[in-house]
Structure formats: C-alpha cells, structure tokens
Amino acid sequence: MTSTTRPNVDHAHPVRTKFPRTSRRSAALAGSLRTVAKPALNVWSYVPSLSRLSGVMDRTADKLTLPIGTSVRTVQLGPCDAEWIRASRARDDGAVLYLRGGAFIVCSLASHRRLVASTSRVTRQPVLNVNFRMLPEVTLEGMIADCLAGYRWLLDEGFPADRISVVGDSAGGYLAFAVALALRDEGLPMPASITGLSPLLDLGVERKEASPHRDKCDLFTVRSCRALQRLIAHVDDEHEADGERVCPIDADLSGLPPVLIQMGSREILRPDAEVMVDRLAEAGVPTQLQIWTGQVHVFQAAASWVPEAAEAMREIGRFVRANLAQSTGSVRTAREASARVASSSSGG
C-alpha cells in the first residue's frame, strides 16, 4: 500500500480555470441524465446485481461507428486484453494508456471505444485501451495490476516512459493515479503526464456528503457513492484482501508527473478534485484543474455533439502534447515501437 507520509518539497502553484457553459446541447444532456440515469443509479444502490444489465449498453455501443480512418487492433496482456486504437492522423512518437470508467463494475472496451478514438485524435497518439478485470472477479489491486500490465506492454514495445501519457475517466481516473503511484513505488520510470476526466479520487463519502453539490449533481447521489464503497469492501472481504487501502487523495503524491483534472461544476466529485489539486501542489506536482460550468460527469464522451465537450477534448490534447518529452532519441524509439505494434498486433 502507498504511504501517506509527505516529504518536504517545494510547493507548486496549481492553475485553476473555469469554463462557461455556452450551448443548449449541454443543458439537454444534463437534463437527460437527471431524468433517466440518476434514478437508475439510485435503484442500483438498492439492488447492485442490476449492474449485470450493462451488457445491453455494451452490445449497443459495439455497433457504433468510429471516425473514418480509425484503426482498432486487439492486444493480449495476460489476464486481460486491450485495444490498440489509432486515429487517422496519429503520430508515431508516443502513446497513451487509457483507463476507462464504469465504477469498477460496468462498461467495456466497446462502451469507451469512441471516447478513446477521440483521445487518439486530439493527442495525435495511438492509445492502448485496457480491458481490465472488474469487481467482483478481482479487487481494486487486481485491476491496478492489469493496468500496470498495459503500461509494461508499452514499455516492452519500445515506447519510452517520457513518451507515454496516462488518461483515465471516472473510476479510471482512480486507476490512473494508482498506476502512477505503483510505478513510483516500484522504481519504474514515470509517464509524461496524467489526465483525469471527472476522476474518482476518494472511495469515502465524507467530502461528498458535505459538498454543496451533493443534491445538484446530474448523475450521482451520496447513496450511490456509499453503495459503491460497500461493494468494494464486500469484494475485499470475499477475496480476503490484506492491509489498508490508501486512496490517491490521501497518498504521498510526490514525484508524480504533471496532472490535468477536468470536472463539471455541479459534480458530487468536485470537492475531492479540489482537495486533490491542493495536495498535488503541496507535493510539488504541476497541476491544472479545469471546472466546466454545468457539464455532467465525463461530458467529454459527448464531444461529437456538445461543443464544450469538444473543447475539453482539445484541452486534453494540448496538455498531453505539451508534456511529451522532446528528446529526439525518445521520438525515434517511439516511432520504431509504433511500427512494431502495427505489424504484430492481431486484428480486432
């Protein structure tokens, strides 16, 4: 487990930016989530077994078309598989490790394929989308191990760490930070940056209960957050997990690469993000927090329809590209690695 001890370091000064809502489409998206998704999640908090119905959503998402020129290949990572997704204009000088959301229990490669393809487009990098195992098959530590396998695969393929960016949405944001902390603690090279889209940073509910946004959030309630907390504890008991788990928000954050966090203004997760930014700054980590007025949880997934989501994706692209190392040797190695992946991966 990650230590909570924080060494003395020079504080960084986080950049906080608030973006206005400008479109009716984003308001319509928020309204639809409040009407349909939020009540469904509240029902799930009473009957967690209903999460099995997510397969219907995955089958529907599997039929959605991707932007012209996007390629998808299957990669095997041992206990799980992944998809190597490449936009038409993606370069060969780096890669992104993408960790999807879904509260550790739902969603799939299919549900996030369009968002990952959009990530490849704005970052101009190919993306490895990891299909990590989920609750109750494994604990969170099992998921982190699968995500680490994805990172090691990129290293083994020849991508230098300083040409790898880690991006995660929602629960995948938790995993993105957990992976970086595990890499640091194991003495492995750190990625170029971490980006969290509405990241889950704390499994506890105390800050969420005290949040002024607890009743304004368009998707989550305190009850649904508490249900997830109970489910994780139950799976830990079933797997006889040892030791105390330290969430990213309470971990020693020193040594992490630059961080970008994007959050909707009314999200119940916003207080956690604001505390996380302060703690990253205390640890000397260059950090940006972007608050998007009126936007919903992981609104970036609606980039093809909502203007603010498209702009948020462009912000992610700028951040990732700005933090890639400029070493010519690293670029050459990354290009060679990308060529090997293209020739060796099986078709997806």
Protein backbone atom coordinates (compact mmCIF):
# COMPACT_ATOMS: atom_id res chain seq x y z
CA MET A 1 0.00 0.00 0.00
CA THR A 2 1.09 3.56 -0.67
CA SER A 3 2.42 5.52 2.30
CA THR A 4 0.70 8.75 3.33
CA THR A 5 3.97 10.31 4.50
CA ARG A 6 4.66 13.56 2.64
CA PRO A 7 8.30 14.65 2.36
CA ASN A 8 9.32 18.29 2.39
CA VAL A 9 9.15 19.58 -1.19
CA ASP A 10 8.75 22.91 -2.91
CA HIS A 11 5.08 23.69 -3.43
CA ALA A 12 3.76 24.07 -6.96
CA HIS A 13 1.13 26.64 -7.90
CA PRO A 14 -1.88 24.89 -9.48
CA VAL A 15 -3.64 26.53 -12.39
CA ARG A 16 -7.39 26.73 -11.87
CA THR A 17 -9.59 27.62 -14.84
CA LYS A 18 -13.36 27.87 -15.08
CA PHE A 19 -15.04 27.44 -18.45
CA PRO A 20 -18.55 28.82 -19.14
CA ARG A 21 -21.48 26.86 -20.46
CA THR A 22 -22.38 28.14 -23.92
CA SER A 23 -24.64 25.54 -25.54
CA ARG A 24 -28.19 24.30 -25.18
CA ARG A 25 -26.99 20.83 -26.07
CA SER A 26 -25.01 20.54 -22.84
CA ALA A 27 -28.11 21.57 -20.88
CA ALA A 28 -30.13 18.94 -22.71
CA LEU A 29 -27.54 16.30 -21.89
CA ALA A 30 -27.64 17.25 -18.20
CA GLY A 31 -31.42 17.11 -18.19
CA SER A 32 -31.49 13.65 -19.75
CA LEU A 33 -29.06 12.29 -17.15
CA ARG A 34 -31.08 13.74 -14.29
CA THR A 35 -34.25 12.21 -15.72
CA VAL A 36 -33.00 8.76 -16.71
CA ALA A 37 -29.51 7.85 -15.49
CA LYS A 38 -29.60 9.32 -11.99
CA PRO A 39 -32.79 7.46 -10.94
CA ALA A 40 -31.38 4.26 -12.46
CA LEU A 41 -28.21 4.60 -10.39
CA ASN A 42 -30.28 5.21 -7.29
CA VAL A 43 -32.18 1.97 -7.97
CA TRP A 44 -28.84 0.19 -8.43
CA SER A 45 -27.79 1.35 -4.96
CA TYR A 46 -30.62 -0.81 -3.59
CA VAL A 47 -30.06 -3.75 -5.98
CA PRO A 48 -26.37 -3.86 -7.05
CA SER A 49 -26.95 -7.04 -9.07
CA LEU A 50 -28.69 -4.89 -11.70
CA SER A 51 -25.23 -3.86 -12.91
CA ARG A 52 -25.27 -7.07 -14.96
CA LEU A 53 -27.72 -5.34 -17.31
CA SER A 54 -24.86 -3.14 -18.52
CA GLY A 55 -24.18 -5.80 -21.14
CA VAL A 56 -27.09 -4.39 -23.13
CA MET A 57 -25.37 -0.99 -23.26
CA ASP A 58 -22.08 -2.59 -24.28
CA ARG A 59 -23.70 -4.50 -27.14
CA THR A 60 -25.32 -1.30 -28.38
CA ALA A 61 -22.06 0.65 -28.15
CA ASP A 62 -20.27 -2.10 -30.06
CA LYS A 63 -22.34 -1.19 -33.13
CA LEU A 64 -21.39 2.49 -33.13
CA THR A 65 -19.17 3.62 -35.95
CA LEU A 66 -15.80 5.23 -35.35
CA PRO A 67 -14.37 8.25 -37.20
CA ILE A 68 -13.15 7.43 -40.70
CA GLY A 69 -9.57 6.22 -40.71
CA THR A 70 -9.57 4.94 -37.10
CA SER A 71 -7.94 1.53 -36.71
CA VAL A 72 -8.55 -0.93 -33.88
CA ARG A 73 -6.35 -3.92 -33.08
CA THR A 74 -6.56 -6.45 -30.25
CA VAL A 75 -3.67 -6.85 -27.80
CA GLN A 76 -3.30 -9.60 -25.19
CA LEU A 77 -2.00 -8.54 -21.76
CA GLY A 78 -2.05 -11.87 -19.94
CA PRO A 79 -5.07 -11.94 -17.63
CA CYS A 80 -6.93 -9.41 -19.81
CA ASP A 81 -6.91 -7.97 -23.29
CA ALA A 82 -6.79 -4.44 -24.66
CA GLU A 83 -7.38 -2.48 -27.85
CA TRP A 84 -4.74 -0.52 -29.72
CA ILE A 85 -6.70 2.39 -31.21
CA ARG A 86 -5.18 4.78 -33.69
CA ALA A 87 -6.78 7.88 -35.22
CA SER A 88 -6.11 8.64 -38.86
CA ARG A 89 -3.57 11.40 -38.12
CA ALA A 90 -1.94 9.85 -35.05
CA ARG A 91 1.83 10.25 -34.96
CA ASP A 92 4.42 7.61 -34.17
CA ASP A 93 6.28 9.47 -31.43
CA GLY A 94 4.40 8.32 -28.32
CA ALA A 95 1.38 6.53 -26.90
CA VAL A 96 -1.48 6.95 -24.42
CA LEU A 97 -2.52 4.41 -21.78
CA TYR A 98 -6.31 4.80 -21.38
CA LEU A 99 -8.14 3.51 -18.29
CA ARG A 100 -11.91 3.58 -18.63
CA GLY A 101 -14.54 4.40 -16.06
CA GLY A 102 -17.61 2.46 -15.01
CA ALA A 103 -17.43 2.40 -11.19
CA PHE A 104 -15.15 -0.68 -11.38
CA ILE A 105 -18.19 -2.83 -12.22
CA VAL A 106 -19.62 -1.87 -15.63
CA CYS A 107 -18.60 -0.63 -19.11
CA SER A 108 -16.21 -2.25 -21.54
CA LEU A 109 -13.88 -1.66 -24.45
CA ALA A 110 -16.96 -1.13 -26.61
CA SER A 111 -18.60 1.44 -24.35
CA HIS A 112 -15.50 3.64 -24.39
CA ARG A 113 -14.21 3.00 -27.91
CA ARG A 114 -15.48 6.29 -29.33
CA LEU A 115 -14.08 8.31 -26.42
CA VAL A 116 -10.74 6.54 -26.76
CA ALA A 117 -10.73 7.18 -30.51
CA SER A 118 -11.38 10.86 -29.76
CA THR A 119 -8.46 10.79 -27.31
CA SER A 120 -6.22 9.42 -30.04
CA ARG A 121 -7.38 12.17 -32.40
CA VAL A 122 -6.78 15.12 -30.05
CA THR A 123 -3.50 13.82 -28.61
CA ARG A 124 -2.28 12.65 -32.04
CA GLN A 125 -1.08 9.46 -30.39
CA PRO A 126 -2.17 5.81 -30.61
CA VAL A 127 -4.00 4.68 -27.46
CA LEU A 128 -3.95 1.39 -25.54
CA ASN A 129 -7.41 0.90 -24.00
CA VAL A 130 -7.05 -1.70 -21.24
CA ASN A 131 -9.90 -4.15 -20.65
CA PHE A 132 -9.01 -4.71 -17.00
CA ARG A 133 -10.95 -7.23 -14.93
CA MET A 134 -13.65 -5.80 -12.69
CA LEU A 135 -15.47 -6.32 -9.41
CA PRO A 136 -16.30 -8.87 -8.09
CA GLU A 137 -13.84 -11.01 -10.11
CA VAL A 138 -10.88 -9.11 -8.65
CA THR A 139 -10.21 -6.44 -6.06
CA LEU A 140 -9.02 -2.95 -6.97
CA GLU A 141 -5.46 -4.23 -6.64
CA GLY A 142 -6.19 -6.80 -9.34
CA MET A 143 -7.41 -4.03 -11.64
CA ILE A 144 -4.31 -1.96 -10.95
CA ALA A 145 -2.16 -4.98 -11.82
CA ASP A 146 -3.96 -5.31 -15.18
CA CYS A 147 -3.42 -1.60 -15.89
CA LEU A 148 0.26 -1.92 -14.97
CA ALA A 149 0.45 -4.79 -17.46
CA GLY A 150 -0.74 -2.33 -20.11
CA TYR A 151 1.94 0.18 -19.16
CA ARG A 152 4.63 -2.51 -19.17
CA TRP A 153 3.43 -3.66 -22.59
CA LEU A 154 4.01 -0.17 -23.95
CA LEU A 155 7.49 -0.12 -22.39
CA ASP A 156 8.27 -3.57 -23.78
CA GLU A 157 7.18 -2.44 -27.23
CA GLY A 158 9.83 0.27 -27.04
CA PHE A 159 7.84 3.35 -26.06
CA PRO A 160 9.94 5.37 -23.59
CA ALA A 161 8.14 6.32 -20.38
CA ASP A 162 8.55 10.01 -21.18
CA ARG A 163 6.53 9.41 -24.37
CA ILE A 164 3.65 7.66 -22.56
CA SER A 165 0.67 9.64 -21.20
CA VAL A 166 -1.92 8.14 -18.84
CA VAL A 167 -5.58 9.17 -19.22
CA GLY A 168 -8.49 7.88 -17.15
CA ASP A 169 -12.14 8.83 -16.72
CA SER A 170 -14.22 8.45 -13.55
CA ALA A 171 -13.11 5.22 -11.81
CA GLY A 172 -10.40 5.01 -14.46
CA GLY A 173 -9.06 8.27 -13.00
CA TYR A 174 -8.60 6.46 -9.68
CA LEU A 175 -6.70 3.74 -11.53
CA ALA A 176 -4.58 6.27 -13.44
CA PHE A 177 -3.23 7.77 -10.21
CA ALA A 178 -2.93 4.35 -8.58
CA VAL A 179 -0.84 3.10 -11.52
CA ALA A 180 1.47 6.12 -11.34
CA LEU A 181 1.93 5.69 -7.59
CA ALA A 182 2.68 1.99 -8.04
CA LEU A 183 5.23 2.78 -10.75
CA ARG A 184 6.95 5.26 -8.45
CA ASP A 185 6.98 2.88 -5.51
CA GLU A 186 8.40 0.08 -7.69
CA GLY A 187 11.11 2.34 -9.07
CA LEU A 188 9.81 2.15 -12.64
CA PRO A 189 10.00 5.15 -14.99
CA MET A 190 7.11 7.60 -14.70
CA PRO A 191 4.83 8.60 -17.56
CA ALA A 192 4.90 12.05 -19.14
CA SER A 193 1.57 13.15 -17.61
CA ILE A 194 -1.70 12.09 -16.00
CA THR A 195 -5.13 13.32 -17.13
CA GLY A 196 -8.31 12.68 -15.15
CA LEU A 197 -11.76 13.19 -16.66
CA SER A 198 -14.16 13.58 -13.70
CA PRO A 199 -11.83 11.28 -11.73
CA LEU A 200 -12.93 9.30 -8.69
CA LEU A 201 -10.20 10.08 -6.17
CA ASP A 202 -11.68 9.04 -2.84
CA LEU A 203 -13.77 5.95 -2.12
CA GLY A 204 -15.08 7.58 1.06
CA VAL A 205 -18.27 9.64 1.15
CA GLU A 206 -17.47 12.21 3.84
CA ARG A 207 -16.47 15.03 1.49
CA LYS A 208 -19.31 14.14 -0.84
CA GLU A 209 -21.83 14.34 1.99
CA ALA A 210 -20.53 17.78 2.93
CA SER A 211 -20.47 19.00 -0.66
CA PRO A 212 -22.72 21.89 -1.72
CA HIS A 213 -23.14 19.95 -4.96
CA ARG A 214 -24.43 16.74 -3.35
CA ASP A 215 -28.03 17.40 -4.46
CA LYS A 216 -27.11 19.27 -7.65
CA CYS A 217 -25.08 16.54 -9.32
CA ASP A 218 -26.78 15.38 -12.52
CA LEU A 219 -25.77 11.74 -12.09
CA PHE A 220 -24.65 10.59 -8.65
CA THR A 221 -26.16 10.70 -5.16
CA VAL A 222 -24.44 10.17 -1.83
CA ARG A 223 -26.38 6.92 -1.59
CA SER A 224 -24.98 5.56 -4.86
CA CYS A 225 -21.45 6.54 -3.78
CA ARG A 226 -21.94 4.77 -0.46
CA ALA A 227 -23.25 1.67 -2.26
CA LEU A 228 -20.04 1.50 -4.30
CA GLN A 229 -17.98 1.88 -1.12
CA ARG A 230 -19.86 -1.03 0.47
CA LEU A 231 -19.46 -3.18 -2.64
CA ILE A 232 -15.70 -2.65 -2.72
CA ALA A 233 -15.46 -3.56 0.98
CA HIS A 234 -17.55 -6.69 0.37
CA VAL A 235 -15.30 -7.82 -2.50
CA ASP A 236 -12.24 -7.19 -0.33
CA ASP A 237 -13.74 -9.45 2.33
CA GLU A 238 -14.60 -12.14 -0.23
CA HIS A 239 -11.02 -12.12 -1.54
CA GLU A 240 -9.58 -11.87 1.99
CA ALA A 241 -7.65 -8.76 0.99
CA ASP A 242 -4.97 -7.71 3.49
CA GLY A 243 -3.86 -4.27 4.53
CA GLU A 244 -5.38 -0.82 4.42
CA ARG A 245 -6.08 0.73 1.03
CA VAL A 246 -4.95 4.34 0.60
CA CYS A 247 -6.93 6.33 -1.97
CA PRO A 248 -5.00 8.67 -4.29
CA ILE A 249 -6.33 11.74 -2.49
CA ASP A 250 -4.67 10.61 0.77
CA ALA A 251 -1.48 9.16 -0.70
CA ASP A 252 2.03 10.55 -0.82
CA LEU A 253 1.81 12.31 -4.20
CA SER A 254 5.43 13.37 -4.52
CA GLY A 255 7.21 12.50 -7.72
CA LEU A 256 4.13 12.35 -9.92
CA PRO A 257 4.27 13.87 -13.41
CA PRO A 258 2.16 16.91 -14.43
CA VAL A 259 -1.58 16.46 -13.89
CA LEU A 260 -4.70 17.77 -15.60
CA ILE A 261 -8.11 17.26 -13.95
CA GLN A 262 -11.35 18.22 -15.70
CA MET A 263 -14.58 18.34 -13.67
CA GLY A 264 -18.15 19.52 -14.18
CA SER A 265 -19.11 22.37 -11.86
CA ARG A 266 -22.02 20.53 -10.18
CA GLU A 267 -20.43 17.11 -9.84
CA ILE A 268 -20.55 15.46 -6.44
CA LEU A 269 -16.89 14.52 -7.05
CA ARG A 270 -15.80 18.16 -7.37
CA PRO A 271 -14.75 18.67 -3.70
CA ASP A 272 -12.45 15.63 -3.94
CA ALA A 273 -10.83 17.09 -7.06
CA GLU A 274 -10.27 20.46 -5.41
CA VAL A 275 -8.61 18.84 -2.39
CA MET A 276 -6.53 16.64 -4.69
CA VAL A 277 -5.23 19.68 -6.57
CA ASP A 278 -4.13 21.30 -3.31
CA ARG A 279 -2.34 18.13 -2.20
CA LEU A 280 -0.65 17.72 -5.56
CA ALA A 281 0.57 21.32 -5.25
CA GLU A 282 1.89 20.60 -1.73
CA ALA A 283 3.81 17.66 -3.23
CA GLY A 284 5.35 19.90 -5.89
CA VAL A 285 3.39 18.41 -8.79
CA PRO A 286 2.49 20.83 -11.63
CA THR A 287 -1.31 20.65 -11.80
CA GLN A 288 -4.20 22.14 -13.74
CA LEU A 289 -7.82 21.99 -12.56
CA GLN A 290 -10.47 22.85 -15.14
CA ILE A 291 -14.04 23.38 -13.90
CA TRP A 292 -16.59 23.26 -16.72
CA THR A 293 -19.78 25.10 -15.81
CA GLY A 294 -22.92 22.98 -15.94
CA GLN A 295 -21.21 19.96 -17.51
CA VAL A 296 -22.02 16.40 -16.49
CA HIS A 297 -19.85 13.52 -15.36
CA VAL A 298 -17.38 12.61 -18.16
CA PHE A 299 -19.13 15.01 -20.53
CA GLN A 300 -16.14 14.63 -22.86
CA ALA A 301 -17.77 11.43 -24.15
CA ALA A 302 -20.30 13.68 -25.95
CA ALA A 303 -17.61 15.51 -27.93
CA SER A 304 -19.29 14.76 -31.25
CA TRP A 305 -22.44 16.55 -30.11
CA VAL A 306 -21.68 19.00 -27.27
CA PRO A 307 -19.38 21.96 -28.11
CA GLU A 308 -17.99 22.25 -24.59
CA ALA A 309 -17.06 18.54 -24.67
CA ALA A 310 -15.22 19.02 -27.95
CA GLU A 311 -13.30 21.96 -26.49
CA ALA A 312 -12.47 19.96 -23.36
CA MET A 313 -11.03 17.22 -25.55
CA ARG A 314 -8.89 19.78 -27.35
CA GLU A 315 -7.63 20.97 -23.96
CA ILE A 316 -6.63 17.38 -23.17
CA GLY A 317 -4.81 17.12 -26.47
CA ARG A 318 -2.88 20.32 -25.83
CA PHE A 319 -1.95 19.22 -22.31
CA VAL A 320 -0.74 15.77 -23.37
CA ARG A 321 1.32 17.08 -26.27
CA ALA A 322 2.84 19.88 -24.18
CA ASN A 323 4.15 17.38 -21.63
CA LEU A 324 5.72 14.90 -24.01
CA ALA A 325 9.49 14.90 -23.81
CA GLN A 326 11.25 16.50 -26.75
CA SER A 327 14.15 14.05 -26.90
CA THR A 328 14.96 13.06 -30.49
CA GLY A 329 16.14 9.65 -29.33
CA SER A 330 12.88 9.07 -27.49
CA VAL A 331 10.89 10.04 -30.58
CA ARG A 332 12.88 7.66 -32.76
CA THR A 333 12.39 4.79 -30.31
CA ALA A 334 8.66 5.51 -30.09
CA ARG A 335 8.29 5.51 -33.86
CA GLU A 336 10.05 2.16 -34.10
CA ALA A 337 7.78 0.81 -31.35
CA SER A 338 4.65 2.00 -33.13
CA ALA A 339 5.77 0.29 -36.32
CA ARG A 340 6.28 -2.99 -34.41
CA VAL A 341 2.81 -2.78 -32.86
CA ALA A 342 1.21 -2.15 -36.25
CA SER A 343 2.89 -5.20 -37.76
CA SER A 344 2.47 -7.63 -34.84
CA SER A 345 -0.98 -6.96 -33.32
CA SER A 346 -3.85 -9.17 -34.40
CA GLY A 347 -6.90 -7.57 -35.96
CA GLY A 348 -9.75 -6.51 -33.60
